Amino acid sequence: MTAHLNRQDSKPVIFRHPDFSDGLHERIFYGFFGRTGGVSRGIFEGLNCGQGSGDNPEDIARNRAIVSHQAGIAPENLLSLYQVHGPACLTVGSSWTFADRPQADAMATQKPGLGLGILVADCAPVLFSAGKPDGTPLIAAAHAGWKGAVSGVLESTLKVLMDNGGQPSSVRACIGPCISPDSYEVSEDFKKPFLDHSAAASRFFKKAEKPEHLMFDLPSYCAWRLLQAGVKNVSCLNKDTCADEKNFYSYRRSTHRKEPDYGRQIALIAIKL
């Protein structure tokens, strides 16, 4: 049975990590939004921000306006990508429409007033901040499912931040709510691309109770890739989207229930005007 959520509660729950917040540029807003505080109904009940879902478009627009209001940006400047589970990261300088959204899994900007939004329902959302030598803030957001993580989306995002003048020592990253190793059961052959990249990745797989299956630790793998890339300030919220139905949508949970679709929560970072 789907957990009942209070549609009258219009204030969303926003998850943050104190280590990421500490020392963040005063003009940066960020938050990992859950599913509470929205207007969607049925299997999408809550703050579904996924424009690619089969939810009522008017409800999705209202949910995204709620998120935009929290961030202090115009709803039309809350940007989402056509996420394809790849490594590409874009530099963003202006907004786009839903129909024109580019295919990529990460984006970065230094332009105030643009909200970089990553939609997830088990994959890891990763938010970044950095600073230029003159103090100008830079931000980025990445969608790190297993395919994107293993193919280098996090490293691509770091490169774009550096290409735009970010100082390596200033970079900090925060991994938001995603599926946890207690919920992420995979087949044994799933680990091959990870080991092909680095034999050290074996540490992120543990034996599952089911024969010939493993449990995969996606958030720790993402943190390791960031640390290997030189990011010294990496935070992780360690909240399980699959297990916590009250607070999060989950693709895996919906699939196990054979539900026809699922909502998406949003992770957002923006530089205030």
C-alpha atoms as a PDB file:
ATOM      1  CA  MET A   1       0.000   0.000   0.000  1.00  0.00           C
ATOM      2  CA  THR A   2       1.309   3.461  -0.901  1.00  0.00           C
ATOM      3  CA  ALA A   3       1.988   5.700   2.093  1.00  0.00           C
ATOM      4  CA  HIS A   4      -0.515   8.520   2.447  1.00  0.00           C
ATOM      5  CA  LEU A   5       0.972  11.985   2.294  1.00  0.00           C
ATOM      6  CA  ASN A   6      -0.647  15.206   3.449  1.00  0.00           C
ATOM      7  CA  ARG A   7      -1.373  17.322   0.358  1.00  0.00           C
ATOM      8  CA  GLN A   8      -2.364  20.233   2.584  1.00  0.00           C
ATOM      9  CA  ASP A   9       1.219  20.582   3.814  1.00  0.00           C
ATOM     10  CA  SER A  10       2.537  23.025   1.223  1.00  0.00           C
ATOM     11  CA  LYS A  11       5.958  23.460   2.807  1.00  0.00           C
ATOM     12  CA  PRO A  12       8.456  20.939   1.442  1.00  0.00           C
ATOM     13  CA  VAL A  13      11.033  19.132   3.513  1.00  0.00           C
ATOM     14  CA  ILE A  14      14.536  20.094   2.386  1.00  0.00           C
ATOM     15  CA  PHE A  15      17.496  17.874   3.249  1.00  0.00           C
ATOM     16  CA  ARG A  16      20.912  19.452   3.742  1.00  0.00           C
ATOM     17  CA  HIS A  17      24.289  18.386   5.106  1.00  0.00           C
ATOM     18  CA  PRO A  18      26.023  20.646   7.662  1.00  0.00           C
ATOM     19  CA  ASP A  19      29.486  19.896   6.307  1.00  0.00           C
ATOM     20  CA  PHE A  20      28.460  21.075   2.837  1.00  0.00           C
ATOM     21  CA  SER A  21      26.576  24.085   4.205  1.00  0.00           C
ATOM     22  CA  ASP A  22      29.498  25.180   6.385  1.00  0.00           C
ATOM     23  CA  GLY A  23      31.511  27.816   4.593  1.00  0.00           C
ATOM     24  CA  LEU A  24      29.249  27.841   1.520  1.00  0.00           C
ATOM     25  CA  HIS A  25      29.148  31.190  -0.314  1.00  0.00           C
ATOM     26  CA  GLU A  26      26.376  33.312   1.190  1.00  0.00           C
ATOM     27  CA  ARG A  27      24.655  33.728  -2.183  1.00  0.00           C
ATOM     28  CA  ILE A  28      24.275  29.996  -2.824  1.00  0.00           C
ATOM     29  CA  PHE A  29      20.990  28.220  -2.145  1.00  0.00           C
ATOM     30  CA  TYR A  30      20.912  24.449  -2.231  1.00  0.00           C
ATOM     31  CA  GLY A  31      18.613  21.693  -1.131  1.00  0.00           C
ATOM     32  CA  PHE A  32      17.693  18.068  -1.691  1.00  0.00           C
ATOM     33  CA  PHE A  33      13.910  18.105  -1.828  1.00  0.00           C
ATOM     34  CA  GLY A  34      11.926  15.031  -0.870  1.00  0.00           C
ATOM     35  CA  ARG A  35       8.384  14.139  -1.876  1.00  0.00           C
ATOM     36  CA  THR A  36       6.518  15.948   0.909  1.00  0.00           C
ATOM     37  CA  GLY A  37       4.886  19.337   0.483  1.00  0.00           C
ATOM     38  CA  GLY A  38       3.563  18.982  -3.078  1.00  0.00           C
ATOM     39  CA  VAL A  39       0.196  18.732  -4.806  1.00  0.00           C
ATOM     40  CA  SER A  40       0.467  15.591  -6.959  1.00  0.00           C
ATOM     41  CA  ARG A  41      -1.954  12.710  -6.378  1.00  0.00           C
ATOM     42  CA  GLY A  42      -2.146   8.955  -6.721  1.00  0.00           C
ATOM     43  CA  ILE A  43       1.130   7.136  -7.277  1.00  0.00           C
ATOM     44  CA  PHE A  44       2.800  10.550  -7.724  1.00  0.00           C
ATOM     45  CA  GLU A  45       1.467  11.877  -4.430  1.00  0.00           C
ATOM     46  CA  GLY A  46       3.667  14.656  -3.140  1.00  0.00           C
ATOM     47  CA  LEU A  47       6.239  17.015  -4.644  1.00  0.00           C
ATOM     48  CA  ASN A  48       6.766  15.268  -7.983  1.00  0.00           C
ATOM     49  CA  CYS A  49       8.989  17.523 -10.116  1.00  0.00           C
ATOM     50  CA  GLY A  50       9.557  15.060 -12.955  1.00  0.00           C
ATOM     51  CA  GLN A  51       8.274  16.628 -16.159  1.00  0.00           C
ATOM     52  CA  GLY A  52       8.962  13.361 -17.949  1.00  0.00           C
ATOM     53  CA  SER A  53       6.566  11.435 -15.709  1.00  0.00           C
ATOM     54  CA  GLY A  54       2.930  10.726 -16.543  1.00  0.00           C
ATOM     55  CA  ASP A  55       1.702  13.005 -13.767  1.00  0.00           C
ATOM     56  CA  ASN A  56      -0.719  15.885 -14.371  1.00  0.00           C
ATOM     57  CA  PRO A  57       1.415  18.621 -16.015  1.00  0.00           C
ATOM     58  CA  GLU A  58      -0.362  21.324 -14.008  1.00  0.00           C
ATOM     59  CA  ASP A  59       0.501  19.566 -10.746  1.00  0.00           C
ATOM     60  CA  ILE A  60       4.130  19.171 -11.831  1.00  0.00           C
ATOM     61  CA  ALA A  61       4.278  22.890 -12.681  1.00  0.00           C
ATOM     62  CA  ARG A  62       2.836  23.776  -9.267  1.00  0.00           C
ATOM     63  CA  ASN A  63       5.354  21.534  -7.543  1.00  0.00           C
ATOM     64  CA  ARG A  64       8.234  23.079  -9.434  1.00  0.00           C
ATOM     65  CA  ALA A  65       6.912  26.541  -8.538  1.00  0.00           C
ATOM     66  CA  ILE A  66       6.962  25.526  -4.856  1.00  0.00           C
ATOM     67  CA  VAL A  67      10.599  24.498  -5.208  1.00  0.00           C
ATOM     68  CA  SER A  68      11.462  27.686  -7.123  1.00  0.00           C
ATOM     69  CA  HIS A  69       9.880  29.812  -4.409  1.00  0.00           C
ATOM     70  CA  GLN A  70      12.011  28.118  -1.758  1.00  0.00           C
ATOM     71  CA  ALA A  71      15.129  28.887  -3.800  1.00  0.00           C
ATOM     72  CA  GLY A  72      14.124  32.459  -4.610  1.00  0.00           C
ATOM     73  CA  ILE A  73      14.239  31.957  -8.374  1.00  0.00           C
ATOM     74  CA  ALA A  74      11.674  32.354 -11.146  1.00  0.00           C
ATOM     75  CA  PRO A  75       9.917  29.054 -12.016  1.00  0.00           C
ATOM     76  CA  GLU A  76      11.009  29.367 -15.637  1.00  0.00           C
ATOM     77  CA  ASN A  77      14.617  29.428 -14.438  1.00  0.00           C
ATOM     78  CA  LEU A  78      14.402  26.082 -12.662  1.00  0.00           C
ATOM     79  CA  LEU A  79      16.318  23.991 -15.193  1.00  0.00           C
ATOM     80  CA  SER A  80      16.182  20.251 -15.723  1.00  0.00           C
ATOM     81  CA  LEU A  81      18.055  18.133 -18.248  1.00  0.00           C
ATOM     82  CA  TYR A  82      16.998  15.255 -20.458  1.00  0.00           C
ATOM     83  CA  GLN A  83      19.016  12.823 -18.352  1.00  0.00           C
ATOM     84  CA  VAL A  84      20.540   9.935 -20.306  1.00  0.00           C
ATOM     85  CA  HIS A  85      22.844   8.240 -17.739  1.00  0.00           C
ATOM     86  CA  GLY A  86      25.979   9.491 -19.457  1.00  0.00           C
ATOM     87  CA  PRO A  87      29.093  11.512 -18.528  1.00  0.00           C
ATOM     88  CA  ALA A  88      28.366  14.840 -20.255  1.00  0.00           C
ATOM     89  CA  CYS A  89      28.360  18.116 -18.299  1.00  0.00           C
ATOM     90  CA  LEU A  90      27.237  21.434 -19.826  1.00  0.00           C
ATOM     91  CA  THR A  91      28.071  25.037 -19.009  1.00  0.00           C
ATOM     92  CA  VAL A  92      24.766  26.878 -18.626  1.00  0.00           C
ATOM     93  CA  GLY A  93      24.235  30.579 -19.302  1.00  0.00           C
ATOM     94  CA  SER A  94      20.504  30.860 -19.967  1.00  0.00           C
ATOM     95  CA  SER A  95      17.258  29.032 -19.363  1.00  0.00           C
ATOM     96  CA  TRP A  96      15.401  26.686 -21.731  1.00  0.00           C
ATOM     97  CA  THR A  97      11.953  25.190 -22.135  1.00  0.00           C
ATOM     98  CA  PHE A  98      11.054  21.622 -21.286  1.00  0.00           C
ATOM     99  CA  ALA A  99      10.831  20.768 -24.984  1.00  0.00           C
ATOM    100  CA  ASP A 100      14.299  22.219 -25.629  1.00  0.00           C
ATOM    101  CA  ARG A 101      16.086  20.741 -22.626  1.00  0.00           C
ATOM    102  CA  PRO A 102      19.493  19.354 -23.642  1.00  0.00           C
ATOM    103  CA  GLN A 103      20.547  15.739 -23.260  1.00  0.00           C
ATOM    104  CA  ALA A 104      23.173  15.552 -20.525  1.00  0.00           C
ATOM    105  CA  ASP A 105      23.532  14.481 -16.914  1.00  0.00           C
ATOM    106  CA  ALA A 106      25.284  17.437 -15.334  1.00  0.00           C
ATOM    107  CA  MET A 107      25.460  21.208 -15.650  1.00  0.00           C
ATOM    108  CA  ALA A 108      27.423  24.101 -14.202  1.00  0.00           C
ATOM    109  CA  THR A 109      26.962  27.860 -14.083  1.00  0.00           C
ATOM    110  CA  GLN A 110      28.185  31.088 -12.551  1.00  0.00           C
ATOM    111  CA  LYS A 111      25.068  33.013 -13.583  1.00  0.00           C
ATOM    112  CA  PRO A 112      22.853  34.162 -10.701  1.00  0.00           C
ATOM    113  CA  GLY A 113      19.157  33.339 -10.837  1.00  0.00           C
ATOM    114  CA  LEU A 114      19.456  30.012 -12.632  1.00  0.00           C
ATOM    115  CA  GLY A 115      18.464  26.912 -10.667  1.00  0.00           C
ATOM    116  CA  LEU A 116      20.282  23.714 -11.600  1.00  0.00           C
ATOM    117  CA  GLY A 117      17.860  20.874 -10.923  1.00  0.00           C
ATOM    118  CA  ILE A 118      18.634  17.148 -10.948  1.00  0.00           C
ATOM    119  CA  LEU A 119      15.704  14.703 -10.974  1.00  0.00           C
ATOM    120  CA  VAL A 120      16.133  11.369  -9.235  1.00  0.00           C
ATOM    121  CA  ALA A 121      14.223   8.359  -7.961  1.00  0.00           C
ATOM    122  CA  ASP A 122      17.124   6.220  -6.641  1.00  0.00           C
ATOM    123  CA  CYS A 123      20.106   7.577  -8.595  1.00  0.00           C
ATOM    124  CA  ALA A 124      22.503   9.851  -6.710  1.00  0.00           C
ATOM    125  CA  PRO A 125      22.095  13.625  -7.066  1.00  0.00           C
ATOM    126  CA  VAL A 126      25.397  15.410  -6.465  1.00  0.00           C
ATOM    127  CA  LEU A 127      25.634  19.172  -5.901  1.00  0.00           C
ATOM    128  CA  PHE A 128      28.894  21.114  -6.224  1.00  0.00           C
ATOM    129  CA  SER A 129      30.178  24.537  -5.274  1.00  0.00           C
ATOM    130  CA  ALA A 130      33.479  26.202  -6.095  1.00  0.00           C
ATOM    131  CA  GLY A 131      35.001  29.661  -6.186  1.00  0.00           C
ATOM    132  CA  LYS A 132      37.004  31.635  -8.709  1.00  0.00           C
ATOM    133  CA  PRO A 133      40.150  33.528  -7.619  1.00  0.00           C
ATOM    134  CA  ASP A 134      38.153  36.783  -7.419  1.00  0.00           C
ATOM    135  CA  GLY A 135      35.566  35.162  -5.132  1.00  0.00           C
ATOM    136  CA  THR A 136      32.878  34.640  -7.772  1.00  0.00           C
ATOM    137  CA  PRO A 137      30.886  31.519  -6.906  1.00  0.00           C
ATOM    138  CA  LEU A 138      30.467  28.602  -9.281  1.00  0.00           C
ATOM    139  CA  ILE A 139      27.905  25.821  -8.904  1.00  0.00           C
ATOM    140  CA  ALA A 140      27.145  22.506 -10.571  1.00  0.00           C
ATOM    141  CA  ALA A 141      24.725  19.613 -10.292  1.00  0.00           C
ATOM    142  CA  ALA A 142      25.096  16.033 -11.513  1.00  0.00           C
ATOM    143  CA  HIS A 143      22.872  12.995 -11.963  1.00  0.00           C
ATOM    144  CA  ALA A 144      24.944   9.960 -10.987  1.00  0.00           C
ATOM    145  CA  GLY A 145      23.201   6.710 -11.648  1.00  0.00           C
ATOM    146  CA  TRP A 146      25.517   3.719 -11.814  1.00  0.00           C
ATOM    147  CA  LYS A 147      26.117   4.142 -15.538  1.00  0.00           C
ATOM    148  CA  GLY A 148      26.927   7.831 -15.235  1.00  0.00           C
ATOM    149  CA  ALA A 149      29.113   7.309 -12.188  1.00  0.00           C
ATOM    150  CA  VAL A 150      31.206   4.564 -13.738  1.00  0.00           C
ATOM    151  CA  SER A 151      31.532   6.437 -17.051  1.00  0.00           C
ATOM    152  CA  GLY A 152      32.807   9.612 -15.363  1.00  0.00           C
ATOM    153  CA  VAL A 153      29.986  12.139 -14.959  1.00  0.00           C
ATOM    154  CA  LEU A 154      31.415  13.386 -11.660  1.00  0.00           C
ATOM    155  CA  GLU A 155      34.884  13.921 -13.120  1.00  0.00           C
ATOM    156  CA  SER A 156      33.334  15.652 -16.142  1.00  0.00           C
ATOM    157  CA  THR A 157      31.528  18.028 -13.817  1.00  0.00           C
ATOM    158  CA  LEU A 158      34.736  18.853 -11.979  1.00  0.00           C
ATOM    159  CA  LYS A 159      36.497  19.537 -15.273  1.00  0.00           C
ATOM    160  CA  VAL A 160      33.798  21.990 -16.344  1.00  0.00           C
ATOM    161  CA  LEU A 161      34.069  23.797 -13.006  1.00  0.00           C
ATOM    162  CA  MET A 162      37.835  24.069 -13.480  1.00  0.00           C
ATOM    163  CA  ASP A 163      37.452  25.140 -17.125  1.00  0.00           C
ATOM    164  CA  ASN A 164      35.223  27.977 -15.910  1.00  0.00           C
ATOM    165  CA  GLY A 165      37.864  29.236 -13.492  1.00  0.00           C
ATOM    166  CA  GLY A 166      37.095  27.290 -10.338  1.00  0.00           C
ATOM    167  CA  GLN A 167      39.947  26.817  -7.882  1.00  0.00           C
ATOM    168  CA  PRO A 168      40.512  23.118  -7.173  1.00  0.00           C
ATOM    169  CA  SER A 169      40.999  23.715  -3.457  1.00  0.00           C
ATOM    170  CA  SER A 170      37.612  25.450  -3.209  1.00  0.00           C
ATOM    171  CA  VAL A 171      35.514  22.590  -4.585  1.00  0.00           C
ATOM    172  CA  ARG A 172      33.039  20.881  -2.308  1.00  0.00           C
ATOM    173  CA  ALA A 173      30.469  18.251  -3.193  1.00  0.00           C
ATOM    174  CA  CYS A 174      27.416  16.771  -1.517  1.00  0.00           C
ATOM    175  CA  ILE A 175      25.799  13.443  -2.399  1.00  0.00           C
ATOM    176  CA  GLY A 176      22.084  13.523  -1.759  1.00  0.00           C
ATOM    177  CA  PRO A 177      19.469  10.887  -0.966  1.00  0.00           C
ATOM    178  CA  CYS A 178      19.711   7.832  -3.206  1.00  0.00           C
ATOM    179  CA  ILE A 179      19.327   4.075  -3.043  1.00  0.00           C
ATOM    180  CA  SER A 180      21.436   2.605  -0.247  1.00  0.00           C
ATOM    181  CA  PRO A 181      23.562  -0.570  -0.224  1.00  0.00           C
ATOM    182  CA  ASP A 182      20.887  -2.239   1.925  1.00  0.00           C
ATOM    183  CA  SER A 183      18.369  -1.846  -0.912  1.00  0.00           C
ATOM    184  CA  TYR A 184      20.521  -2.110  -4.047  1.00  0.00           C
ATOM    185  CA  GLU A 185      20.677  -5.783  -4.980  1.00  0.00           C
ATOM    186  CA  VAL A 186      22.367  -6.545  -8.310  1.00  0.00           C
ATOM    187  CA  SER A 187      23.544  -9.578 -10.256  1.00  0.00           C
ATOM    188  CA  GLU A 188      27.192 -10.623  -9.981  1.00  0.00           C
ATOM    189  CA  ASP A 189      28.003  -9.562 -13.533  1.00  0.00           C
ATOM    190  CA  PHE A 190      26.834  -6.017 -12.697  1.00  0.00           C
ATOM    191  CA  LYS A 191      30.225  -5.240 -11.157  1.00  0.00           C
ATOM    192  CA  LYS A 192      32.254  -5.865 -14.317  1.00  0.00           C
ATOM    193  CA  PRO A 193      32.341  -2.264 -15.677  1.00  0.00           C
ATOM    194  CA  PHE A 194      33.321  -1.018 -12.223  1.00  0.00           C
ATOM    195  CA  LEU A 195      36.218  -3.456 -11.957  1.00  0.00           C
ATOM    196  CA  ASP A 196      37.208  -2.703 -15.550  1.00  0.00           C
ATOM    197  CA  HIS A 197      37.643   0.909 -14.464  1.00  0.00           C
ATOM    198  CA  SER A 198      39.455   0.028 -11.239  1.00  0.00           C
ATOM    199  CA  ALA A 199      39.937  -3.197  -9.310  1.00  0.00           C
ATOM    200  CA  ALA A 200      39.654  -1.106  -6.135  1.00  0.00           C
ATOM    201  CA  ALA A 201      35.920  -0.726  -6.811  1.00  0.00           C
ATOM    202  CA  SER A 202      35.376  -4.261  -5.508  1.00  0.00           C
ATOM    203  CA  ARG A 203      35.099  -2.772  -2.004  1.00  0.00           C
ATOM    204  CA  PHE A 204      31.683  -1.328  -2.918  1.00  0.00           C
ATOM    205  CA  PHE A 205      30.134  -4.755  -3.471  1.00  0.00           C
ATOM    206  CA  LYS A 206      29.074  -7.193  -0.757  1.00  0.00           C
ATOM    207  CA  LYS A 207      27.520 -10.643  -0.984  1.00  0.00           C
ATOM    208  CA  ALA A 208      23.720 -10.632  -1.025  1.00  0.00           C
ATOM    209  CA  GLU A 209      21.504 -13.212   0.654  1.00  0.00           C
ATOM    210  CA  LYS A 210      20.244 -14.222  -2.781  1.00  0.00           C
ATOM    211  CA  PRO A 211      22.672 -16.593  -4.532  1.00  0.00           C
ATOM    212  CA  GLU A 212      24.804 -15.088  -7.306  1.00  0.00           C
ATOM    213  CA  HIS A 213      23.765 -11.579  -6.282  1.00  0.00           C
ATOM    214  CA  LEU A 214      25.546  -8.624  -4.669  1.00  0.00           C
ATOM    215  CA  MET A 215      24.650  -5.471  -2.773  1.00  0.00           C
ATOM    216  CA  PHE A 216      26.099  -2.302  -4.334  1.00  0.00           C
ATOM    217  CA  ASP A 217      27.008   0.855  -2.402  1.00  0.00           C
ATOM    218  CA  LEU A 218      26.281   3.671  -4.885  1.00  0.00           C
ATOM    219  CA  PRO A 219      26.770   6.680  -2.560  1.00  0.00           C
ATOM    220  CA  SER A 220      30.118   5.422  -1.270  1.00  0.00           C
ATOM    221  CA  TYR A 221      31.243   4.684  -4.816  1.00  0.00           C
ATOM    222  CA  CYS A 222      30.378   8.257  -5.849  1.00  0.00           C
ATOM    223  CA  ALA A 223      32.228   9.644  -2.822  1.00  0.00           C
ATOM    224  CA  TRP A 224      35.279   7.532  -3.688  1.00  0.00           C
ATOM    225  CA  ARG A 225      35.297   8.746  -7.299  1.00  0.00           C
ATOM    226  CA  LEU A 226      35.168  12.351  -6.070  1.00  0.00           C
ATOM    227  CA  LEU A 227      37.967  11.817  -3.567  1.00  0.00           C
ATOM    228  CA  GLN A 228      40.072  10.079  -6.226  1.00  0.00           C
ATOM    229  CA  ALA A 229      39.515  13.123  -8.448  1.00  0.00           C
ATOM    230  CA  GLY A 230      40.945  15.411  -5.785  1.00  0.00           C
ATOM    231  CA  VAL A 231      37.832  16.772  -4.053  1.00  0.00           C
ATOM    232  CA  LYS A 232      38.752  17.038  -0.379  1.00  0.00           C
ATOM    233  CA  ASN A 233      35.355  18.197   0.906  1.00  0.00           C
ATOM    234  CA  VAL A 234      32.812  15.452   0.134  1.00  0.00           C
ATOM    235  CA  SER A 235      29.597  15.070   2.135  1.00  0.00           C
ATOM    236  CA  CYS A 236      26.985  12.316   1.918  1.00  0.00           C
ATOM    237  CA  LEU A 237      23.472  12.411   3.355  1.00  0.00           C
ATOM    238  CA  ASN A 238      23.122   8.597   3.519  1.00  0.00           C
ATOM    239  CA  LYS A 239      19.341   8.562   3.130  1.00  0.00           C
ATOM    240  CA  ASP A 240      17.781   5.572   1.352  1.00  0.00           C
ATOM    241  CA  THR A 241      15.197   6.577  -1.253  1.00  0.00           C
ATOM    242  CA  CYS A 242      14.002   2.999  -1.737  1.00  0.00           C
ATOM    243  CA  ALA A 243      13.387   2.253   1.943  1.00  0.00           C
ATOM    244  CA  ASP A 244      11.931   5.633   2.961  1.00  0.00           C
ATOM    245  CA  GLU A 245       8.578   5.866   1.185  1.00  0.00           C
ATOM    246  CA  LYS A 246       7.330   8.751   3.306  1.00  0.00           C
ATOM    247  CA  ASN A 247      10.092  11.068   2.160  1.00  0.00           C
ATOM    248  CA  PHE A 248      11.179   9.850  -1.269  1.00  0.00           C
ATOM    249  CA  TYR A 249      10.103   8.460  -4.619  1.00  0.00           C
ATOM    250  CA  SER A 250      11.856   5.286  -5.753  1.00  0.00           C
ATOM    251  CA  TYR A 251      12.076   3.676  -9.159  1.00  0.00           C
ATOM    252  CA  ARG A 252      13.048   0.305  -7.659  1.00  0.00           C
ATOM    253  CA  ARG A 253      10.229   0.331  -5.130  1.00  0.00           C
ATOM    254  CA  SER A 254       7.698   1.202  -7.833  1.00  0.00           C
ATOM    255  CA  THR A 255       9.098  -1.504 -10.113  1.00  0.00           C
ATOM    256  CA  HIS A 256       8.811  -4.152  -7.412  1.00  0.00           C
ATOM    257  CA  ARG A 257       5.174  -3.175  -6.948  1.00  0.00           C
ATOM    258  CA  LYS A 258       4.593  -3.235 -10.714  1.00  0.00           C
ATOM    259  CA  GLU A 259       3.295   0.322 -10.615  1.00  0.00           C
ATOM    260  CA  PRO A 260       2.954   1.956 -14.052  1.00  0.00           C
ATOM    261  CA  ASP A 261       5.087   5.028 -13.249  1.00  0.00           C
ATOM    262  CA  TYR A 262       6.857   6.864 -10.437  1.00  0.00           C
ATOM    263  CA  GLY A 263       7.567  10.398  -9.244  1.00  0.00           C
ATOM    264  CA  ARG A 264      10.917  12.163  -9.148  1.00  0.00           C
ATOM    265  CA  GLN A 265      12.334  14.332  -6.386  1.00  0.00           C
ATOM    266  CA  ILE A 266      14.606  17.212  -7.229  1.00  0.00           C
ATOM    267  CA  ALA A 267      18.007  18.375  -6.003  1.00  0.00           C
ATOM    268  CA  LEU A 268      18.596  22.061  -6.613  1.00  0.00           C
ATOM    269  CA  ILE A 269      21.436  24.545  -6.366  1.00  0.00           C
ATOM    270  CA  ALA A 270      21.365  28.211  -7.395  1.00  0.00           C
ATOM    271  CA  ILE A 271      23.251  31.457  -7.007  1.00  0.00           C
ATOM    272  CA  LYS A 272      20.893  34.082  -5.625  1.00  0.00           C
ATOM    273  CA  LEU A 273      20.407  37.326  -7.527  1.00  0.00           C
END
